[in-house]
Amino acid sequence: MPKIGVLALQGAFREHAEAFDALGADVVLIKHAEQFASIDAIVLPGGESTTQAKLLDTFAMRAPLADALAAGLGCFATCAGLILLATEVLDGRADQVPLGLLDVAVRRNGYGRQVMSFESALEIEGLHAPFTGVFIRAPRLVRVGDSVEVLARHDTHPVLVRRGRIWAAGFHPELADDLRLHQLFLHALTREDANP
C-alpha cells in the first residue's frame, strides 16, 4: 500500500487523512519539505488557495514540492489544491503564483460564493455508479491542456482531471462520505508502481 502524505498547513487535510487511513494506507501529515522523500504521493487539500500558497513559501516548501512532483511524486489535489497546481489562475491575486505543474486554467470560486455551494451526481471514469461531488466555493476549469485527461464533468465543465500521477478535482471528495475516489487514486498508484 502506498505511503500517502497529506499537506497539513491549512484546509481539509484531516478529512483526507481519515479517508486514506480507512482504506488501509500508511498516512502521514506533511509539515516539512524533508518529508517529501519518504512518501509515494501527496494530497493537496481544499481550503484557501492564497493562504496555502503563502504558507508553502513561509515554510520553504514551494520549490521542494514542485521538484518532487516534477520528479514523479503522485498527487491528489482537491479544490484549493487544484488552484495551486494550475498553470494559470484567471482571477487570482497579483501575488498568487501557482506551481504551474498541471496545464489548466482555473477560475477561483468559479461556481459562486459559499452560499451557492451545491452537490451533484458525477459520472467518473473508473467508477460504476455516480459519485456525489461536493462543490464549496469551487474552482472552475476553463481550459484543459492536451496533456491533461478529463475523468469527470459537471454539465460541460471538467471537474476531475489527471496528468500521469497527478490527479486534481474541483470538488471535495473527502466530504462525500464515499471512499471510492480515494480508492481509485490508490489503485492507480499501486498499478503504476507495479508496472513502471
C-alpha atoms as a PDB file:
ATOM      1  CA  MET A   1       0.000   0.000   0.000  1.00  0.00           C
ATOM      2  CA  PRO A   2       1.452   3.412  -0.897  1.00  0.00           C
ATOM      3  CA  LYS A   3       2.511   5.861   1.779  1.00  0.00           C
ATOM      4  CA  ILE A   4       0.289   8.938   1.463  1.00  0.00           C
ATOM      5  CA  GLY A   5       1.361  12.321   2.744  1.00  0.00           C
ATOM      6  CA  VAL A   6      -1.325  14.928   3.372  1.00  0.00           C
ATOM      7  CA  LEU A   7      -0.181  18.554   3.261  1.00  0.00           C
ATOM      8  CA  ALA A   8      -1.244  19.760   6.702  1.00  0.00           C
ATOM      9  CA  LEU A   9      -0.726  23.522   6.533  1.00  0.00           C
ATOM     10  CA  GLN A  10      -4.358  24.617   6.128  1.00  0.00           C
ATOM     11  CA  GLY A  11      -7.685  23.295   4.895  1.00  0.00           C
ATOM     12  CA  ALA A  12      -9.454  19.920   4.925  1.00  0.00           C
ATOM     13  CA  PHE A  13      -6.357  17.789   5.493  1.00  0.00           C
ATOM     14  CA  ARG A  14      -7.802  15.754   8.383  1.00  0.00           C
ATOM     15  CA  GLU A  15     -10.720  14.514   6.273  1.00  0.00           C
ATOM     16  CA  HIS A  16      -8.353  13.292   3.555  1.00  0.00           C
ATOM     17  CA  ALA A  17      -6.099  11.629   6.123  1.00  0.00           C
ATOM     18  CA  GLU A  18      -9.097   9.832   7.624  1.00  0.00           C
ATOM     19  CA  ALA A  19     -10.280   8.664   4.182  1.00  0.00           C
ATOM     20  CA  PHE A  20      -6.924   7.193   3.188  1.00  0.00           C
ATOM     21  CA  ASP A  21      -6.451   5.703   6.664  1.00  0.00           C
ATOM     22  CA  ALA A  22      -9.846   3.985   6.391  1.00  0.00           C
ATOM     23  CA  LEU A  23      -8.628   2.401   3.135  1.00  0.00           C
ATOM     24  CA  GLY A  24      -5.566   0.981   4.889  1.00  0.00           C
ATOM     25  CA  ALA A  25      -2.965   3.390   3.511  1.00  0.00           C
ATOM     26  CA  ASP A  26       0.008   4.478   5.585  1.00  0.00           C
ATOM     27  CA  VAL A  27      -0.817   8.161   6.157  1.00  0.00           C
ATOM     28  CA  VAL A  28       1.462  10.930   7.384  1.00  0.00           C
ATOM     29  CA  LEU A  29       0.687  14.621   7.873  1.00  0.00           C
ATOM     30  CA  ILE A  30       3.197  16.714   5.942  1.00  0.00           C
ATOM     31  CA  LYS A  31       4.502  19.860   7.641  1.00  0.00           C
ATOM     32  CA  HIS A  32       8.127  19.958   6.430  1.00  0.00           C
ATOM     33  CA  ALA A  33       9.731  19.648   2.999  1.00  0.00           C
ATOM     34  CA  GLU A  34      12.075  16.912   4.241  1.00  0.00           C
ATOM     35  CA  GLN A  35       9.070  14.588   4.485  1.00  0.00           C
ATOM     36  CA  PHE A  36       8.531  14.546   0.699  1.00  0.00           C
ATOM     37  CA  ALA A  37      11.309  11.986   0.248  1.00  0.00           C
ATOM     38  CA  SER A  38       9.506   9.402   2.401  1.00  0.00           C
ATOM     39  CA  ILE A  39       6.101   9.344   0.658  1.00  0.00           C
ATOM     40  CA  ASP A  40       4.680   7.881  -2.554  1.00  0.00           C
ATOM     41  CA  ALA A  41       2.018  10.550  -3.063  1.00  0.00           C
ATOM     42  CA  ILE A  42       0.828  13.801  -1.540  1.00  0.00           C
ATOM     43  CA  VAL A  43      -2.640  15.229  -1.024  1.00  0.00           C
ATOM     44  CA  LEU A  44      -3.084  18.957  -1.623  1.00  0.00           C
ATOM     45  CA  PRO A  45      -6.365  19.549   0.222  1.00  0.00           C
ATOM     46  CA  GLY A  46      -9.167  22.011  -0.240  1.00  0.00           C
ATOM     47  CA  GLY A  47      -9.029  25.203   1.768  1.00  0.00           C
ATOM     48  CA  GLU A  48      -7.957  28.737   0.912  1.00  0.00           C
ATOM     49  CA  SER A  49      -5.556  28.734  -2.018  1.00  0.00           C
ATOM     50  CA  THR A  50      -3.879  32.093  -1.343  1.00  0.00           C
ATOM     51  CA  THR A  51      -3.250  31.139   2.287  1.00  0.00           C
ATOM     52  CA  GLN A  52      -1.861  27.746   1.283  1.00  0.00           C
ATOM     53  CA  ALA A  53       0.445  29.347  -1.292  1.00  0.00           C
ATOM     54  CA  LYS A  54       1.770  31.796   1.302  1.00  0.00           C
ATOM     55  CA  LEU A  55       2.336  29.002   3.808  1.00  0.00           C
ATOM     56  CA  LEU A  56       4.264  26.971   1.226  1.00  0.00           C
ATOM     57  CA  ASP A  57       6.559  29.992   0.884  1.00  0.00           C
ATOM     58  CA  THR A  58       6.737  30.692   4.629  1.00  0.00           C
ATOM     59  CA  PHE A  59       7.822  27.126   5.366  1.00  0.00           C
ATOM     60  CA  ALA A  60      10.166  26.922   2.332  1.00  0.00           C
ATOM     61  CA  MET A  61       8.141  24.094   0.825  1.00  0.00           C
ATOM     62  CA  ARG A  62       7.227  25.531  -2.600  1.00  0.00           C
ATOM     63  CA  ALA A  63      10.367  24.612  -4.574  1.00  0.00           C
ATOM     64  CA  PRO A  64      10.845  21.182  -2.920  1.00  0.00           C
ATOM     65  CA  LEU A  65       7.184  20.335  -3.578  1.00  0.00           C
ATOM     66  CA  ALA A  66       7.407  21.419  -7.214  1.00  0.00           C
ATOM     67  CA  ASP A  67      10.623  19.421  -7.636  1.00  0.00           C
ATOM     68  CA  ALA A  68       9.137  16.307  -6.029  1.00  0.00           C
ATOM     69  CA  LEU A  69       6.015  16.476  -8.219  1.00  0.00           C
ATOM     70  CA  ALA A  70       8.079  17.079 -11.355  1.00  0.00           C
ATOM     71  CA  ALA A  71      10.179  14.032 -10.424  1.00  0.00           C
ATOM     72  CA  GLY A  72       7.084  11.801 -10.274  1.00  0.00           C
ATOM     73  CA  LEU A  73       5.610  12.111  -6.787  1.00  0.00           C
ATOM     74  CA  GLY A  74       1.937  11.167  -7.013  1.00  0.00           C
ATOM     75  CA  CYS A  75      -0.591  13.855  -6.144  1.00  0.00           C
ATOM     76  CA  PHE A  76      -4.279  14.021  -5.303  1.00  0.00           C
ATOM     77  CA  ALA A  77      -5.336  17.680  -5.265  1.00  0.00           C
ATOM     78  CA  THR A  78      -8.798  18.955  -4.406  1.00  0.00           C
ATOM     79  CA  CYS A  79     -10.326  22.418  -4.769  1.00  0.00           C
ATOM     80  CA  ALA A  80      -7.587  24.785  -3.499  1.00  0.00           C
ATOM     81  CA  GLY A  81      -5.038  22.083  -4.347  1.00  0.00           C
ATOM     82  CA  LEU A  82      -6.174  22.238  -7.973  1.00  0.00           C
ATOM     83  CA  ILE A  83      -5.602  26.008  -7.958  1.00  0.00           C
ATOM     84  CA  LEU A  84      -2.099  25.501  -6.547  1.00  0.00           C
ATOM     85  CA  LEU A  85      -1.204  23.094  -9.364  1.00  0.00           C
ATOM     86  CA  ALA A  86      -2.600  25.148 -12.261  1.00  0.00           C
ATOM     87  CA  THR A  87      -0.516  26.891 -14.897  1.00  0.00           C
ATOM     88  CA  GLU A  88      -2.973  29.803 -14.937  1.00  0.00           C
ATOM     89  CA  VAL A  89      -5.282  31.300 -12.298  1.00  0.00           C
ATOM     90  CA  LEU A  90      -7.537  33.724 -14.140  1.00  0.00           C
ATOM     91  CA  ASP A  91      -8.819  35.699 -11.169  1.00  0.00           C
ATOM     92  CA  GLY A  92      -6.025  35.179  -8.659  1.00  0.00           C
ATOM     93  CA  ARG A  93      -4.435  37.866  -6.555  1.00  0.00           C
ATOM     94  CA  ALA A  94      -1.446  39.665  -8.036  1.00  0.00           C
ATOM     95  CA  ASP A  95       0.853  37.914  -5.542  1.00  0.00           C
ATOM     96  CA  GLN A  96      -0.696  34.461  -6.105  1.00  0.00           C
ATOM     97  CA  VAL A  97       1.760  32.316  -8.035  1.00  0.00           C
ATOM     98  CA  PRO A  98       0.622  28.741  -8.758  1.00  0.00           C
ATOM     99  CA  LEU A  99       3.059  25.845  -9.095  1.00  0.00           C
ATOM    100  CA  GLY A 100       2.339  25.556 -12.825  1.00  0.00           C
ATOM    101  CA  LEU A 101       2.544  21.747 -12.935  1.00  0.00           C
ATOM    102  CA  LEU A 102      -0.862  20.982 -14.443  1.00  0.00           C
ATOM    103  CA  ASP A 103      -1.690  22.541 -17.807  1.00  0.00           C
ATOM    104  CA  VAL A 104      -5.070  24.018 -16.896  1.00  0.00           C
ATOM    105  CA  ALA A 105      -6.564  27.465 -16.484  1.00  0.00           C
ATOM    106  CA  VAL A 106      -8.809  27.831 -13.466  1.00  0.00           C
ATOM    107  CA  ARG A 107     -11.154  30.474 -12.101  1.00  0.00           C
ATOM    108  CA  ARG A 108     -11.300  30.598  -8.300  1.00  0.00           C
ATOM    109  CA  ASN A 109     -14.827  30.419  -6.848  1.00  0.00           C
ATOM    110  CA  GLY A 110     -15.961  29.750 -10.414  1.00  0.00           C
ATOM    111  CA  TYR A 111     -19.284  28.323  -9.256  1.00  0.00           C
ATOM    112  CA  GLY A 112     -20.012  31.193  -6.865  1.00  0.00           C
ATOM    113  CA  ARG A 113     -19.597  32.072  -3.221  1.00  0.00           C
ATOM    114  CA  GLN A 114     -20.170  29.854  -0.173  1.00  0.00           C
ATOM    115  CA  VAL A 115     -23.958  30.355  -0.259  1.00  0.00           C
ATOM    116  CA  MET A 116     -24.026  28.912  -3.796  1.00  0.00           C
ATOM    117  CA  SER A 117     -22.394  25.625  -2.749  1.00  0.00           C
ATOM    118  CA  PHE A 118     -24.067  22.509  -4.134  1.00  0.00           C
ATOM    119  CA  GLU A 119     -23.807  18.759  -4.640  1.00  0.00           C
ATOM    120  CA  SER A 120     -24.067  16.964  -7.961  1.00  0.00           C
ATOM    121  CA  ALA A 121     -24.006  13.331  -9.085  1.00  0.00           C
ATOM    122  CA  LEU A 122     -20.886  12.872 -11.232  1.00  0.00           C
ATOM    123  CA  GLU A 123     -20.078  10.138 -13.709  1.00  0.00           C
ATOM    124  CA  ILE A 124     -16.398   9.407 -13.068  1.00  0.00           C
ATOM    125  CA  GLU A 125     -14.293   7.275 -15.361  1.00  0.00           C
ATOM    126  CA  GLY A 126     -13.389   4.109 -13.486  1.00  0.00           C
ATOM    127  CA  LEU A 127     -16.402   4.173 -11.126  1.00  0.00           C
ATOM    128  CA  HIS A 128     -19.507   2.115 -11.928  1.00  0.00           C
ATOM    129  CA  ALA A 129     -22.050   4.328 -10.143  1.00  0.00           C
ATOM    130  CA  PRO A 130     -22.363   8.119  -9.772  1.00  0.00           C
ATOM    131  CA  PHE A 131     -20.201   9.882  -7.192  1.00  0.00           C
ATOM    132  CA  THR A 132     -21.539  12.834  -5.200  1.00  0.00           C
ATOM    133  CA  GLY A 133     -19.405  15.870  -5.949  1.00  0.00           C
ATOM    134  CA  VAL A 134     -19.470  18.434  -3.130  1.00  0.00           C
ATOM    135  CA  PHE A 135     -18.788  21.899  -4.576  1.00  0.00           C
ATOM    136  CA  ILE A 136     -17.930  24.564  -1.985  1.00  0.00           C
ATOM    137  CA  ARG A 137     -16.578  27.842  -3.407  1.00  0.00           C
ATOM    138  CA  ALA A 138     -15.283  25.536  -6.095  1.00  0.00           C
ATOM    139  CA  PRO A 139     -12.815  26.473  -8.816  1.00  0.00           C
ATOM    140  CA  ARG A 140     -13.990  26.142 -12.408  1.00  0.00           C
ATOM    141  CA  LEU A 141     -11.675  24.681 -15.034  1.00  0.00           C
ATOM    142  CA  VAL A 142     -11.967  26.896 -18.120  1.00  0.00           C
ATOM    143  CA  ARG A 143      -9.129  25.385 -20.144  1.00  0.00           C
ATOM    144  CA  VAL A 144      -7.552  21.933 -20.107  1.00  0.00           C
ATOM    145  CA  GLY A 145      -4.315  21.322 -21.998  1.00  0.00           C
ATOM    146  CA  ASP A 146      -3.731  18.433 -24.379  1.00  0.00           C
ATOM    147  CA  SER A 147      -1.577  16.602 -21.829  1.00  0.00           C
ATOM    148  CA  VAL A 148      -4.427  16.516 -19.289  1.00  0.00           C
ATOM    149  CA  GLU A 149      -7.105  13.804 -19.300  1.00  0.00           C
ATOM    150  CA  VAL A 150     -10.655  14.659 -18.195  1.00  0.00           C
ATOM    151  CA  LEU A 151     -12.140  11.996 -15.890  1.00  0.00           C
ATOM    152  CA  ALA A 152     -15.429  13.734 -14.969  1.00  0.00           C
ATOM    153  CA  ARG A 153     -17.533  16.732 -15.935  1.00  0.00           C
ATOM    154  CA  HIS A 154     -20.302  18.773 -14.342  1.00  0.00           C
ATOM    155  CA  ASP A 155     -22.521  19.933 -17.195  1.00  0.00           C
ATOM    156  CA  THR A 156     -19.870  20.630 -19.832  1.00  0.00           C
ATOM    157  CA  HIS A 157     -17.079  21.712 -17.484  1.00  0.00           C
ATOM    158  CA  PRO A 158     -14.252  19.355 -16.438  1.00  0.00           C
ATOM    159  CA  VAL A 159     -14.223  18.793 -12.681  1.00  0.00           C
ATOM    160  CA  LEU A 160     -11.767  15.886 -12.328  1.00  0.00           C
ATOM    161  CA  VAL A 161      -8.580  15.681 -14.371  1.00  0.00           C
ATOM    162  CA  ARG A 162      -5.379  13.675 -14.455  1.00  0.00           C
ATOM    163  CA  ARG A 163      -1.903  14.003 -15.920  1.00  0.00           C
ATOM    164  CA  GLY A 164       0.101  10.910 -15.139  1.00  0.00           C
ATOM    165  CA  ARG A 165       0.381  10.529 -11.380  1.00  0.00           C
ATOM    166  CA  ILE A 166      -1.191  13.957 -10.724  1.00  0.00           C
ATOM    167  CA  TRP A 167      -4.964  13.965 -10.141  1.00  0.00           C
ATOM    168  CA  ALA A 168      -6.965  17.125  -9.435  1.00  0.00           C
ATOM    169  CA  ALA A 169     -10.615  17.692  -8.549  1.00  0.00           C
ATOM    170  CA  GLY A 170     -12.558  20.934  -8.396  1.00  0.00           C
ATOM    171  CA  PHE A 171     -14.804  19.433  -5.716  1.00  0.00           C
ATOM    172  CA  HIS A 172     -14.364  17.868  -2.254  1.00  0.00           C
ATOM    173  CA  PRO A 173     -14.424  14.045  -2.399  1.00  0.00           C
ATOM    174  CA  GLU A 174     -13.284  13.933   1.228  1.00  0.00           C
ATOM    175  CA  LEU A 175     -16.674  15.376   2.262  1.00  0.00           C
ATOM    176  CA  ALA A 176     -18.817  12.949   0.243  1.00  0.00           C
ATOM    177  CA  ASP A 177     -18.931  10.037   2.720  1.00  0.00           C
ATOM    178  CA  ASP A 178     -17.780   7.866  -0.195  1.00  0.00           C
ATOM    179  CA  LEU A 179     -14.245   6.467  -0.346  1.00  0.00           C
ATOM    180  CA  ARG A 180     -14.364   5.264  -3.963  1.00  0.00           C
ATOM    181  CA  LEU A 181     -12.426   8.164  -5.494  1.00  0.00           C
ATOM    182  CA  HIS A 182      -9.665   7.937  -2.884  1.00  0.00           C
ATOM    183  CA  GLN A 183      -9.605   4.186  -3.539  1.00  0.00           C
ATOM    184  CA  LEU A 184      -9.420   4.737  -7.308  1.00  0.00           C
ATOM    185  CA  PHE A 185      -6.399   7.008  -6.821  1.00  0.00           C
ATOM    186  CA  LEU A 186      -4.694   4.423  -4.574  1.00  0.00           C
ATOM    187  CA  HIS A 187      -5.408   1.674  -7.095  1.00  0.00           C
ATOM    188  CA  ALA A 188      -3.879   3.751  -9.903  1.00  0.00           C
ATOM    189  CA  LEU A 189      -0.751   4.376  -7.804  1.00  0.00           C
ATOM    190  CA  THR A 190      -0.271   0.711  -6.936  1.00  0.00           C
ATOM    191  CA  ARG A 191      -0.867  -0.346 -10.549  1.00  0.00           C
ATOM    192  CA  GLU A 192       1.730   2.190 -11.792  1.00  0.00           C
ATOM    193  CA  ASP A 193       4.209   1.164  -9.102  1.00  0.00           C
ATOM    194  CA  ALA A 194       3.822  -2.492 -10.086  1.00  0.00           C
ATOM    195  CA  ASN A 195       4.257  -1.678 -13.804  1.00  0.00           C
ATOM    196  CA  PRO A 196       6.732   1.204 -14.138  1.00  0.00           C
END
